[in-house]
Amino acid sequence: MNIDSVNKIALSEAHNLAGLAEYAPGAIVSREIVNKKVGTLTVFAFDAGQGLSEHSAPFDAIVQILDGSSEWTIGGEPVSCAAGEIMIMPANVPHAVKAEQRFKMLLTMIKA
């Protein structure tokens, strides 16, 4: 088996995205699965009540909800996103997330 030495994930094998980060009580768990010059892929598991305060990124970010549902504020507007849905957060637009219930997501950052 060939393993990515940085992200400790088997290469050339199928993976269950939601299974790459497990829920932890009172925490946000993240696991970076790709980190390249052009972008990153990171799986997050948010326990209920957890969140990220308002911030922005210099790159577009694509959020794909893998489990549960999430409540976001993007550019001052509320946005709900549930399992099976994706949304694109534009570069330099403030956004925040609050986990009313636990959820998992894949965050894709495009840097080029």
PDB file of N, CA and C in Angstrom:
ATOM      1  N   MET A   1       0.849  -1.176   0.000  1.00  0.00           N
ATOM      2  CA  MET A   1       0.000   0.000   0.000  1.00  0.00           C
ATOM      3  C   MET A   1       0.895   1.239   0.000  1.00  0.00           C
ATOM      4  N   ASN A   2       0.579   2.179  -0.879  1.00  0.00           N
ATOM      5  CA  ASN A   2       1.321   3.430  -0.988  1.00  0.00           C
ATOM      6  C   ASN A   2       0.619   4.481  -0.127  1.00  0.00           C
ATOM      7  N   ILE A   3       1.332   5.080   0.835  1.00  0.00           N
ATOM      8  CA  ILE A   3       0.757   6.049   1.768  1.00  0.00           C
ATOM      9  C   ILE A   3       1.357   7.423   1.516  1.00  0.00           C
ATOM     10  N   ASP A   4       0.500   8.447   1.444  1.00  0.00           N
ATOM     11  CA  ASP A   4       0.972   9.833   1.367  1.00  0.00           C
ATOM     12  C   ASP A   4       1.680  10.123   2.689  1.00  0.00           C
ATOM     13  N   SER A   5       2.976  10.418   2.639  1.00  0.00           N
ATOM     14  CA  SER A   5       3.775  10.561   3.860  1.00  0.00           C
ATOM     15  C   SER A   5       3.393  11.775   4.698  1.00  0.00           C
ATOM     16  N   VAL A   6       2.827  12.802   4.087  1.00  0.00           N
ATOM     17  CA  VAL A   6       2.453  14.004   4.834  1.00  0.00           C
ATOM     18  C   VAL A   6       1.076  13.848   5.473  1.00  0.00           C
ATOM     19  N   ASN A   7       0.097  13.406   4.684  1.00  0.00           N
ATOM     20  CA  ASN A   7      -1.287  13.369   5.162  1.00  0.00           C
ATOM     21  C   ASN A   7      -1.745  12.002   5.645  1.00  0.00           C
ATOM     22  N   LYS A   8      -0.874  11.022   5.563  1.00  0.00           N
ATOM     23  CA  LYS A   8      -1.121   9.675   6.096  1.00  0.00           C
ATOM     24  C   LYS A   8      -2.415   9.058   5.567  1.00  0.00           C
ATOM     25  N   ILE A   9      -2.606   9.164   4.260  1.00  0.00           N
ATOM     26  CA  ILE A   9      -3.782   8.577   3.629  1.00  0.00           C
ATOM     27  C   ILE A   9      -3.301   7.677   2.496  1.00  0.00           C
ATOM     28  N   ALA A  10      -3.918   6.519   2.365  1.00  0.00           N
ATOM     29  CA  ALA A  10      -3.523   5.580   1.323  1.00  0.00           C
ATOM     30  C   ALA A  10      -3.837   6.158  -0.049  1.00  0.00           C
ATOM     31  N   LEU A  11      -2.871   6.089  -0.938  1.00  0.00           N
ATOM     32  CA  LEU A  11      -3.043   6.571  -2.302  1.00  0.00           C
ATOM     33  C   LEU A  11      -3.629   5.464  -3.167  1.00  0.00           C
ATOM     34  N   SER A  12      -4.284   5.854  -4.235  1.00  0.00           N
ATOM     35  CA  SER A  12      -4.848   4.913  -5.210  1.00  0.00           C
ATOM     36  C   SER A  12      -5.852   3.956  -4.577  1.00  0.00           C
ATOM     37  N   GLU A  13      -6.563   4.427  -3.554  1.00  0.00           N
ATOM     38  CA  GLU A  13      -7.614   3.642  -2.899  1.00  0.00           C
ATOM     39  C   GLU A  13      -8.823   4.529  -2.675  1.00  0.00           C
ATOM     40  N   ALA A  14     -10.001   3.930  -2.635  1.00  0.00           N
ATOM     41  CA  ALA A  14     -11.237   4.662  -2.330  1.00  0.00           C
ATOM     42  C   ALA A  14     -11.315   4.919  -0.835  1.00  0.00           C
ATOM     43  N   HIS A  15     -11.836   6.092  -0.467  1.00  0.00           N
ATOM     44  CA  HIS A  15     -11.994   6.460   0.940  1.00  0.00           C
ATOM     45  C   HIS A  15     -13.386   7.027   1.160  1.00  0.00           C
ATOM     46  N   ASN A  16     -13.957   6.776   2.316  1.00  0.00           N
ATOM     47  CA  ASN A  16     -15.210   7.385   2.714  1.00  0.00           C
ATOM     48  C   ASN A  16     -14.856   8.734   3.341  1.00  0.00           C
ATOM     49  N   LEU A  17     -15.181   9.838   2.647  1.00  0.00           N
ATOM     50  CA  LEU A  17     -14.792  11.171   3.135  1.00  0.00           C
ATOM     51  C   LEU A  17     -15.266  11.425   4.555  1.00  0.00           C
ATOM     52  N   ALA A  18     -16.523  11.114   4.845  1.00  0.00           N
ATOM     53  CA  ALA A  18     -17.069  11.383   6.181  1.00  0.00           C
ATOM     54  C   ALA A  18     -16.328  10.592   7.258  1.00  0.00           C
ATOM     55  N   GLY A  19     -15.732   9.469   6.896  1.00  0.00           N
ATOM     56  CA  GLY A  19     -15.012   8.652   7.865  1.00  0.00           C
ATOM     57  C   GLY A  19     -13.586   9.112   8.135  1.00  0.00           C
ATOM     58  N   LEU A  20     -13.125  10.132   7.415  1.00  0.00           N
ATOM     59  CA  LEU A  20     -11.746  10.585   7.593  1.00  0.00           C
ATOM     60  C   LEU A  20     -11.565  11.530   8.777  1.00  0.00           C
ATOM     61  N   ALA A  21     -12.673  12.021   9.342  1.00  0.00           N
ATOM     62  CA  ALA A  21     -12.614  12.844  10.566  1.00  0.00           C
ATOM     63  C   ALA A  21     -13.786  12.424  11.439  1.00  0.00           C
ATOM     64  N   GLU A  22     -13.511  12.056  12.666  1.00  0.00           N
ATOM     65  CA  GLU A  22     -14.550  11.586  13.588  1.00  0.00           C
ATOM     66  C   GLU A  22     -15.002  12.708  14.514  1.00  0.00           C
ATOM     67  N   TYR A  23     -16.251  12.666  14.911  1.00  0.00           N
ATOM     68  CA  TYR A  23     -16.773  13.637  15.875  1.00  0.00           C
ATOM     69  C   TYR A  23     -16.080  13.447  17.222  1.00  0.00           C
ATOM     70  N   ALA A  24     -15.866  14.557  17.928  1.00  0.00           N
ATOM     71  CA  ALA A  24     -15.328  14.526  19.287  1.00  0.00           C
ATOM     72  C   ALA A  24     -16.173  15.484  20.122  1.00  0.00           C
ATOM     73  N   PRO A  25     -16.544  15.084  21.333  1.00  0.00           N
ATOM     74  CA  PRO A  25     -17.397  15.933  22.168  1.00  0.00           C
ATOM     75  C   PRO A  25     -16.795  17.322  22.383  1.00  0.00           C
ATOM     76  N   GLY A  26     -17.594  18.363  22.100  1.00  0.00           N
ATOM     77  CA  GLY A  26     -17.178  19.735  22.346  1.00  0.00           C
ATOM     78  C   GLY A  26     -16.024  20.227  21.497  1.00  0.00           C
ATOM     79  N   ALA A  27     -15.832  19.624  20.311  1.00  0.00           N
ATOM     80  CA  ALA A  27     -14.644  19.963  19.526  1.00  0.00           C
ATOM     81  C   ALA A  27     -14.936  20.057  18.034  1.00  0.00           C
ATOM     82  N   ILE A  28     -13.986  20.640  17.340  1.00  0.00           N
ATOM     83  CA  ILE A  28     -13.927  20.614  15.888  1.00  0.00           C
ATOM     84  C   ILE A  28     -12.689  19.795  15.540  1.00  0.00           C
ATOM     85  N   VAL A  29     -12.887  18.727  14.778  1.00  0.00           N
ATOM     86  CA  VAL A  29     -11.784  17.866  14.368  1.00  0.00           C
ATOM     87  C   VAL A  29     -11.539  18.111  12.885  1.00  0.00           C
ATOM     88  N   SER A  30     -10.285  18.267  12.501  1.00  0.00           N
ATOM     89  CA  SER A  30      -9.976  18.444  11.082  1.00  0.00           C
ATOM     90  C   SER A  30      -8.880  17.480  10.671  1.00  0.00           C
ATOM     91  N   ARG A  31      -8.925  17.115   9.388  1.00  0.00           N
ATOM     92  CA  ARG A  31      -7.886  16.260   8.822  1.00  0.00           C
ATOM     93  C   ARG A  31      -7.605  16.733   7.402  1.00  0.00           C
ATOM     94  N   GLU A  32      -6.419  17.242   7.202  1.00  0.00           N
ATOM     95  CA  GLU A  32      -6.000  17.675   5.879  1.00  0.00           C
ATOM     96  C   GLU A  32      -5.671  16.433   5.060  1.00  0.00           C
ATOM     97  N   ILE A  33      -6.275  16.327   3.872  1.00  0.00           N
ATOM     98  CA  ILE A  33      -6.008  15.150   3.052  1.00  0.00           C
ATOM     99  C   ILE A  33      -5.195  15.477   1.801  1.00  0.00           C
ATOM    100  N   VAL A  34      -5.172  16.743   1.408  1.00  0.00           N
ATOM    101  CA  VAL A  34      -4.319  17.195   0.303  1.00  0.00           C
ATOM    102  C   VAL A  34      -3.831  18.592   0.639  1.00  0.00           C
ATOM    103  N   ASN A  35      -2.543  18.821   0.438  1.00  0.00           N
ATOM    104  CA  ASN A  35      -1.968  20.150   0.608  1.00  0.00           C
ATOM    105  C   ASN A  35      -0.968  20.360  -0.518  1.00  0.00           C
ATOM    106  N   LYS A  36      -1.404  21.100  -1.514  1.00  0.00           N
ATOM    107  CA  LYS A  36      -0.568  21.380  -2.684  1.00  0.00           C
ATOM    108  C   LYS A  36      -0.475  22.885  -2.872  1.00  0.00           C
ATOM    109  N   LYS A  37       0.462  23.310  -3.680  1.00  0.00           N
ATOM    110  CA  LYS A  37       0.658  24.733  -3.953  1.00  0.00           C
ATOM    111  C   LYS A  37      -0.629  25.383  -4.483  1.00  0.00           C
ATOM    112  N   VAL A  38      -1.412  24.656  -5.250  1.00  0.00           N
ATOM    113  CA  VAL A  38      -2.624  25.211  -5.867  1.00  0.00           C
ATOM    114  C   VAL A  38      -3.861  25.117  -4.978  1.00  0.00           C
ATOM    115  N   GLY A  39      -3.795  24.376  -3.874  1.00  0.00           N
ATOM    116  CA  GLY A  39      -4.948  24.298  -2.997  1.00  0.00           C
ATOM    117  C   GLY A  39      -4.875  23.172  -1.988  1.00  0.00           C
ATOM    118  N   THR A  40      -5.916  23.116  -1.143  1.00  0.00           N
ATOM    119  CA  THR A  40      -5.980  22.108  -0.091  1.00  0.00           C
ATOM    120  C   THR A  40      -7.362  21.471  -0.043  1.00  0.00           C
ATOM    121  N   LEU A  41      -7.413  20.249   0.484  1.00  0.00           N
ATOM    122  CA  LEU A  41      -8.653  19.549   0.802  1.00  0.00           C
ATOM    123  C   LEU A  41      -8.571  19.157   2.273  1.00  0.00           C
ATOM    124  N   THR A  42      -9.570  19.555   3.050  1.00  0.00           N
ATOM    125  CA  THR A  42      -9.581  19.261   4.475  1.00  0.00           C
ATOM    126  C   THR A  42     -10.966  18.801   4.882  1.00  0.00           C
ATOM    127  N   VAL A  43     -11.042  17.694   5.618  1.00  0.00           N
ATOM    128  CA  VAL A  43     -12.306  17.198   6.158  1.00  0.00           C
ATOM    129  C   VAL A  43     -12.432  17.701   7.599  1.00  0.00           C
ATOM    130  N   PHE A  44     -13.611  18.228   7.934  1.00  0.00           N
ATOM    131  CA  PHE A  44     -13.900  18.727   9.277  1.00  0.00           C
ATOM    132  C   PHE A  44     -15.082  17.986   9.864  1.00  0.00           C
ATOM    133  N   ALA A  45     -15.072  17.764  11.174  1.00  0.00           N
ATOM    134  CA  ALA A  45     -16.208  17.244  11.931  1.00  0.00           C
ATOM    135  C   ALA A  45     -16.475  18.225  13.075  1.00  0.00           C
ATOM    136  N   PHE A  46     -17.634  18.892  13.040  1.00  0.00           N
ATOM    137  CA  PHE A  46     -18.020  19.871  14.055  1.00  0.00           C
ATOM    138  C   PHE A  46     -19.021  19.235  15.002  1.00  0.00           C
ATOM    139  N   ASP A  47     -18.744  19.262  16.287  1.00  0.00           N
ATOM    140  CA  ASP A  47     -19.743  18.827  17.261  1.00  0.00           C
ATOM    141  C   ASP A  47     -20.775  19.941  17.424  1.00  0.00           C
ATOM    142  N   ALA A  48     -21.977  19.579  17.851  1.00  0.00           N
ATOM    143  CA  ALA A  48     -23.035  20.564  18.075  1.00  0.00           C
ATOM    144  C   ALA A  48     -22.545  21.658  19.010  1.00  0.00           C
ATOM    145  N   GLY A  49     -22.857  22.899  18.662  1.00  0.00           N
ATOM    146  CA  GLY A  49     -22.474  24.038  19.478  1.00  0.00           C
ATOM    147  C   GLY A  49     -21.134  24.646  19.112  1.00  0.00           C
ATOM    148  N   GLN A  50     -20.372  23.971  18.281  1.00  0.00           N
ATOM    149  CA  GLN A  50     -19.062  24.484  17.876  1.00  0.00           C
ATOM    150  C   GLN A  50     -19.209  25.400  16.659  1.00  0.00           C
ATOM    151  N   GLY A  51     -18.209  26.198  16.398  1.00  0.00           N
ATOM    152  CA  GLY A  51     -18.272  27.077  15.234  1.00  0.00           C
ATOM    153  C   GLY A  51     -16.957  27.783  14.996  1.00  0.00           C
ATOM    154  N   LEU A  52     -16.947  28.541  13.926  1.00  0.00           N
ATOM    155  CA  LEU A  52     -15.804  29.384  13.587  1.00  0.00           C
ATOM    156  C   LEU A  52     -16.307  30.810  13.484  1.00  0.00           C
ATOM    157  N   SER A  53     -15.629  31.729  14.160  1.00  0.00           N
ATOM    158  CA  SER A  53     -16.032  33.129  14.126  1.00  0.00           C
ATOM    159  C   SER A  53     -15.786  33.713  12.739  1.00  0.00           C
ATOM    160  N   GLU A  54     -16.353  34.870  12.490  1.00  0.00           N
ATOM    161  CA  GLU A  54     -16.250  35.490  11.181  1.00  0.00           C
ATOM    162  C   GLU A  54     -14.793  35.719  10.779  1.00  0.00           C
ATOM    163  N   HIS A  55     -14.489  35.340   9.565  1.00  0.00           N
ATOM    164  CA  HIS A  55     -13.157  35.503   8.995  1.00  0.00           C
ATOM    165  C   HIS A  55     -13.302  35.505   7.474  1.00  0.00           C
ATOM    166  N   SER A  56     -12.237  35.785   6.772  1.00  0.00           N
ATOM    167  CA  SER A  56     -12.262  35.701   5.316  1.00  0.00           C
ATOM    168  C   SER A  56     -10.974  35.030   4.860  1.00  0.00           C
ATOM    169  N   ALA A  57     -10.984  34.591   3.611  1.00  0.00           N
ATOM    170  CA  ALA A  57      -9.809  33.946   3.022  1.00  0.00           C
ATOM    171  C   ALA A  57      -9.513  34.617   1.686  1.00  0.00           C
ATOM    172  N   PRO A  58      -8.262  34.654   1.301  1.00  0.00           N
ATOM    173  CA  PRO A  58      -7.908  35.313   0.045  1.00  0.00           C
ATOM    174  C   PRO A  58      -8.216  34.466  -1.194  1.00  0.00           C
ATOM    175  N   PHE A  59      -8.810  33.295  -0.990  1.00  0.00           N
ATOM    176  CA  PHE A  59      -9.112  32.378  -2.089  1.00  0.00           C
ATOM    177  C   PHE A  59     -10.564  31.917  -2.002  1.00  0.00           C
ATOM    178  N   ASP A  60     -11.139  31.517  -3.146  1.00  0.00           N
ATOM    179  CA  ASP A  60     -12.452  30.891  -3.119  1.00  0.00           C
ATOM    180  C   ASP A  60     -12.362  29.607  -2.305  1.00  0.00           C
ATOM    181  N   ALA A  61     -13.445  29.286  -1.596  1.00  0.00           N
ATOM    182  CA  ALA A  61     -13.518  28.053  -0.815  1.00  0.00           C
ATOM    183  C   ALA A  61     -14.818  27.346  -1.162  1.00  0.00           C
ATOM    184  N   ILE A  62     -14.724  26.042  -1.401  1.00  0.00           N
ATOM    185  CA  ILE A  62     -15.900  25.242  -1.703  1.00  0.00           C
ATOM    186  C   ILE A  62     -16.156  24.339  -0.510  1.00  0.00           C
ATOM    187  N   VAL A  63     -17.380  24.395   0.011  1.00  0.00           N
ATOM    188  CA  VAL A  63     -17.786  23.571   1.142  1.00  0.00           C
ATOM    189  C   VAL A  63     -18.751  22.515   0.628  1.00  0.00           C
ATOM    190  N   GLN A  64     -18.472  21.253   0.931  1.00  0.00           N
ATOM    191  CA  GLN A  64     -19.369  20.147   0.605  1.00  0.00           C
ATOM    192  C   GLN A  64     -19.758  19.492   1.923  1.00  0.00           C
ATOM    193  N   ILE A  65     -21.040  19.513   2.248  1.00  0.00           N
ATOM    194  CA  ILE A  65     -21.503  18.920   3.509  1.00  0.00           C
ATOM    195  C   ILE A  65     -21.626  17.410   3.322  1.00  0.00           C
ATOM    196  N   LEU A  66     -20.974  16.649   4.198  1.00  0.00           N
ATOM    197  CA  LEU A  66     -20.924  15.199   4.115  1.00  0.00           C
ATOM    198  C   LEU A  66     -21.932  14.531   5.036  1.00  0.00           C
ATOM    199  N   ASP A  67     -22.258  15.189   6.151  1.00  0.00           N
ATOM    200  CA  ASP A  67     -23.156  14.614   7.157  1.00  0.00           C
ATOM    201  C   ASP A  67     -23.790  15.755   7.929  1.00  0.00           C
ATOM    202  N   GLY A  68     -25.082  15.656   8.230  1.00  0.00           N
ATOM    203  CA  GLY A  68     -25.762  16.673   9.013  1.00  0.00           C
ATOM    204  C   GLY A  68     -26.060  17.918   8.196  1.00  0.00           C
ATOM    205  N   SER A  69     -26.199  19.025   8.893  1.00  0.00           N
ATOM    206  CA  SER A  69     -26.444  20.300   8.223  1.00  0.00           C
ATOM    207  C   SER A  69     -25.750  21.411   8.995  1.00  0.00           C
ATOM    208  N   SER A  70     -25.549  22.539   8.305  1.00  0.00           N
ATOM    209  CA  SER A  70     -24.771  23.629   8.886  1.00  0.00           C
ATOM    210  C   SER A  70     -25.450  24.966   8.627  1.00  0.00           C
ATOM    211  N   GLU A  71     -25.162  25.914   9.497  1.00  0.00           N
ATOM    212  CA  GLU A  71     -25.709  27.268   9.381  1.00  0.00           C
ATOM    213  C   GLU A  71     -24.547  28.240   9.250  1.00  0.00           C
ATOM    214  N   TRP A  72     -24.531  28.976   8.158  1.00  0.00           N
ATOM    215  CA  TRP A  72     -23.440  29.880   7.822  1.00  0.00           C
ATOM    216  C   TRP A  72     -23.944  31.309   7.759  1.00  0.00           C
ATOM    217  N   THR A  73     -23.025  32.230   7.885  1.00  0.00           N
ATOM    218  CA  THR A  73     -23.247  33.625   7.539  1.00  0.00           C
ATOM    219  C   THR A  73     -22.160  33.970   6.534  1.00  0.00           C
ATOM    220  N   ILE A  74     -22.576  34.391   5.337  1.00  0.00           N
ATOM    221  CA  ILE A  74     -21.622  34.721   4.278  1.00  0.00           C
ATOM    222  C   ILE A  74     -21.963  36.119   3.785  1.00  0.00           C
ATOM    223  N   GLY A  75     -21.031  37.034   3.956  1.00  0.00           N
ATOM    224  CA  GLY A  75     -21.278  38.416   3.559  1.00  0.00           C
ATOM    225  C   GLY A  75     -22.480  39.011   4.279  1.00  0.00           C
ATOM    226  N   GLY A  76     -22.694  38.592   5.531  1.00  0.00           N
ATOM    227  CA  GLY A  76     -23.787  39.104   6.338  1.00  0.00           C
ATOM    228  C   GLY A  76     -25.128  38.428   6.111  1.00  0.00           C
ATOM    229  N   GLU A  77     -25.199  37.467   5.183  1.00  0.00           N
ATOM    230  CA  GLU A  77     -26.454  36.782   4.863  1.00  0.00           C
ATOM    231  C   GLU A  77     -26.444  35.349   5.393  1.00  0.00           C
ATOM    232  N   PRO A  78     -27.558  34.877   5.985  1.00  0.00           N
ATOM    233  CA  PRO A  78     -27.614  33.492   6.460  1.00  0.00           C
ATOM    234  C   PRO A  78     -27.738  32.510   5.295  1.00  0.00           C
ATOM    235  N   VAL A  79     -27.030  31.386   5.419  1.00  0.00           N
ATOM    236  CA  VAL A  79     -27.068  30.326   4.410  1.00  0.00           C
ATOM    237  C   VAL A  79     -27.082  28.985   5.141  1.00  0.00           C
ATOM    238  N   SER A  80     -28.038  28.123   4.797  1.00  0.00           N
ATOM    239  CA  SER A  80     -28.071  26.761   5.326  1.00  0.00           C
ATOM    240  C   SER A  80     -27.516  25.825   4.270  1.00  0.00           C
ATOM    241  N   CYS A  81     -26.782  24.817   4.692  1.00  0.00           N
ATOM    242  CA  CYS A  81     -26.214  23.851   3.759  1.00  0.00           C
ATOM    243  C   CYS A  81     -26.255  22.483   4.440  1.00  0.00           C
ATOM    244  N   ALA A  82     -26.834  21.478   3.755  1.00  0.00           N
ATOM    245  CA  ALA A  82     -27.041  20.157   4.346  1.00  0.00           C
ATOM    246  C   ALA A  82     -26.300  19.084   3.559  1.00  0.00           C
ATOM    247  N   ALA A  83     -26.287  17.876   4.120  1.00  0.00           N
ATOM    248  CA  ALA A  83     -25.598  16.744   3.498  1.00  0.00           C
ATOM    249  C   ALA A  83     -26.006  16.611   2.034  1.00  0.00           C
ATOM    250  N   GLY A  84     -24.997  16.449   1.192  1.00  0.00           N
ATOM    251  CA  GLY A  84     -25.220  16.317  -0.239  1.00  0.00           C
ATOM    252  C   GLY A  84     -25.190  17.634  -0.991  1.00  0.00           C
ATOM    253  N   GLU A  85     -25.090  18.746  -0.269  1.00  0.00           N
ATOM    254  CA  GLU A  85     -25.067  20.064  -0.897  1.00  0.00           C
ATOM    255  C   GLU A  85     -23.667  20.666  -0.831  1.00  0.00           C
ATOM    256  N   ILE A  86     -23.406  21.586  -1.776  1.00  0.00           N
ATOM    257  CA  ILE A  86     -22.161  22.342  -1.753  1.00  0.00           C
ATOM    258  C   ILE A  86     -22.478  23.824  -1.880  1.00  0.00           C
ATOM    259  N   MET A  87     -21.530  24.643  -1.496  1.00  0.00           N
ATOM    260  CA  MET A  87     -21.630  26.083  -1.720  1.00  0.00           C
ATOM    261  C   MET A  87     -20.224  26.624  -1.936  1.00  0.00           C
ATOM    262  N   ILE A  88     -20.170  27.728  -2.640  1.00  0.00           N
ATOM    263  CA  ILE A  88     -18.897  28.385  -2.904  1.00  0.00           C
ATOM    264  C   ILE A  88     -18.866  29.690  -2.130  1.00  0.00           C
ATOM    265  N   MET A  89     -17.847  29.843  -1.305  1.00  0.00           N
ATOM    266  CA  MET A  89     -17.656  31.081  -0.569  1.00  0.00           C
ATOM    267  C   MET A  89     -16.600  31.888  -1.323  1.00  0.00           C
ATOM    268  N   PRO A  90     -16.971  33.070  -1.812  1.00  0.00           N
ATOM    269  CA  PRO A  90     -16.025  33.842  -2.611  1.00  0.00           C
ATOM    270  C   PRO A  90     -14.866  34.396  -1.777  1.00  0.00           C
ATOM    271  N   ALA A  91     -13.754  34.560  -2.455  1.00  0.00           N
ATOM    272  CA  ALA A  91     -12.560  35.121  -1.818  1.00  0.00           C
ATOM    273  C   ALA A  91     -12.868  36.479  -1.211  1.00  0.00           C
ATOM    274  N   ASN A  92     -12.262  36.748  -0.073  1.00  0.00           N
ATOM    275  CA  ASN A  92     -12.310  38.042   0.604  1.00  0.00           C
ATOM    276  C   ASN A  92     -13.691  38.455   1.107  1.00  0.00           C
ATOM    277  N   VAL A  93     -14.641  37.523   1.179  1.00  0.00           N
ATOM    278  CA  VAL A  93     -15.970  37.809   1.733  1.00  0.00           C
ATOM    279  C   VAL A  93     -16.032  37.185   3.126  1.00  0.00           C
ATOM    280  N   PRO A  94     -16.328  37.970   4.166  1.00  0.00           N
ATOM    281  CA  PRO A  94     -16.388  37.418   5.519  1.00  0.00           C
ATOM    282  C   PRO A  94     -17.448  36.318   5.632  1.00  0.00           C
ATOM    283  N   HIS A  95     -17.084  35.267   6.374  1.00  0.00           N
ATOM    284  CA  HIS A  95     -18.018  34.164   6.603  1.00  0.00           C
ATOM    285  C   HIS A  95     -17.758  33.562   7.985  1.00  0.00           C
ATOM    286  N   ALA A  96     -18.802  32.919   8.513  1.00  0.00           N
ATOM    287  CA  ALA A  96     -18.725  32.251   9.815  1.00  0.00           C
ATOM    288  C   ALA A  96     -19.649  31.048   9.766  1.00  0.00           C
ATOM    289  N   VAL A  97     -19.431  30.089  10.660  1.00  0.00           N
ATOM    290  CA  VAL A  97     -20.294  28.910  10.733  1.00  0.00           C
ATOM    291  C   VAL A  97     -20.579  28.580  12.185  1.00  0.00           C
ATOM    292  N   LYS A  98     -21.805  28.125  12.440  1.00  0.00           N
ATOM    293  CA  LYS A  98     -22.222  27.680  13.772  1.00  0.00           C
ATOM    294  C   LYS A  98     -22.904  26.331  13.600  1.00  0.00           C
ATOM    295  N   ALA A  99     -22.458  25.338  14.340  1.00  0.00           N
ATOM    296  CA  ALA A  99     -23.035  23.997  14.263  1.00  0.00           C
ATOM    297  C   ALA A  99     -24.207  23.899  15.235  1.00  0.00           C
ATOM    298  N   GLU A 100     -25.411  24.129  14.733  1.00  0.00           N
ATOM    299  CA  GLU A 100     -26.608  23.940  15.571  1.00  0.00           C
ATOM    300  C   GLU A 100     -26.754  22.456  15.901  1.00  0.00           C
ATOM    301  N   GLN A 101     -26.337  21.610  14.980  1.00  0.00           N
ATOM    302  CA  GLN A 101     -26.229  20.166  15.188  1.00  0.00           C
ATOM    303  C   GLN A 101     -24.874  19.764  14.627  1.00  0.00           C
ATOM    304  N   ARG A 102     -24.410  18.578  14.978  1.00  0.00           N
ATOM    305  CA  ARG A 102     -23.104  18.194  14.474  1.00  0.00           C
ATOM    306  C   ARG A 102     -23.165  17.965  12.965  1.00  0.00           C
ATOM    307  N   PHE A 103     -22.052  18.257  12.298  1.00  0.00           N
ATOM    308  CA  PHE A 103     -21.968  18.045  10.864  1.00  0.00           C
ATOM    309  C   PHE A 103     -20.519  17.835  10.448  1.00  0.00           C
ATOM    310  N   LYS A 104     -20.358  17.245   9.258  1.00  0.00           N
ATOM    311  CA  LYS A 104     -19.034  17.050   8.664  1.00  0.00           C
ATOM    312  C   LYS A 104     -19.020  17.711   7.299  1.00  0.00           C
ATOM    313  N   MET A 105     -17.850  18.217   6.924  1.00  0.00           N
ATOM    314  CA  MET A 105     -17.731  18.870   5.629  1.00  0.00           C
ATOM    315  C   MET A 105     -16.349  18.626   5.047  1.00  0.00           C
ATOM    316  N   LEU A 106     -16.295  18.764   3.709  1.00  0.00           N
ATOM    317  CA  LEU A 106     -15.031  18.793   2.995  1.00  0.00           C
ATOM    318  C   LEU A 106     -14.836  20.231   2.538  1.00  0.00           C
ATOM    319  N   LEU A 107     -13.719  20.831   2.912  1.00  0.00           N
ATOM    320  CA  LEU A 107     -13.383  22.191   2.504  1.00  0.00           C
ATOM    321  C   LEU A 107     -12.299  22.114   1.446  1.00  0.00           C
ATOM    322  N   THR A 108     -12.587  22.694   0.286  1.00  0.00           N
ATOM    323  CA  THR A 108     -11.622  22.757  -0.809  1.00  0.00           C
ATOM    324  C   THR A 108     -11.232  24.216  -1.006  1.00  0.00           C
ATOM    325  N   MET A 109      -9.962  24.506  -0.835  1.00  0.00           N
ATOM    326  CA  MET A 109      -9.430  25.850  -1.051  1.00  0.00           C
ATOM    327  C   MET A 109      -8.683  25.845  -2.376  1.00  0.00           C
ATOM    328  N   ILE A 110      -9.061  26.755  -3.260  1.00  0.00           N
ATOM    329  CA  ILE A 110      -8.409  26.897  -4.558  1.00  0.00           C
ATOM    330  C   ILE A 110      -7.502  28.132  -4.476  1.00  0.00           C
ATOM    331  N   LYS A 111      -6.213  27.933  -4.641  1.00  0.00           N
ATOM    332  CA  LYS A 111      -5.254  29.034  -4.473  1.00  0.00           C
ATOM    333  C   LYS A 111      -4.746  29.598  -5.794  1.00  0.00           C
ATOM    334  N   ALA A 112      -5.126  29.035  -6.895  1.00  0.00           N
ATOM    335  CA  ALA A 112      -4.620  29.526  -8.190  1.00  0.00           C
ATOM    336  C   ALA A 112      -5.753  29.707  -9.167  1.00  0.00           C
TER     337      ALA A 112
END
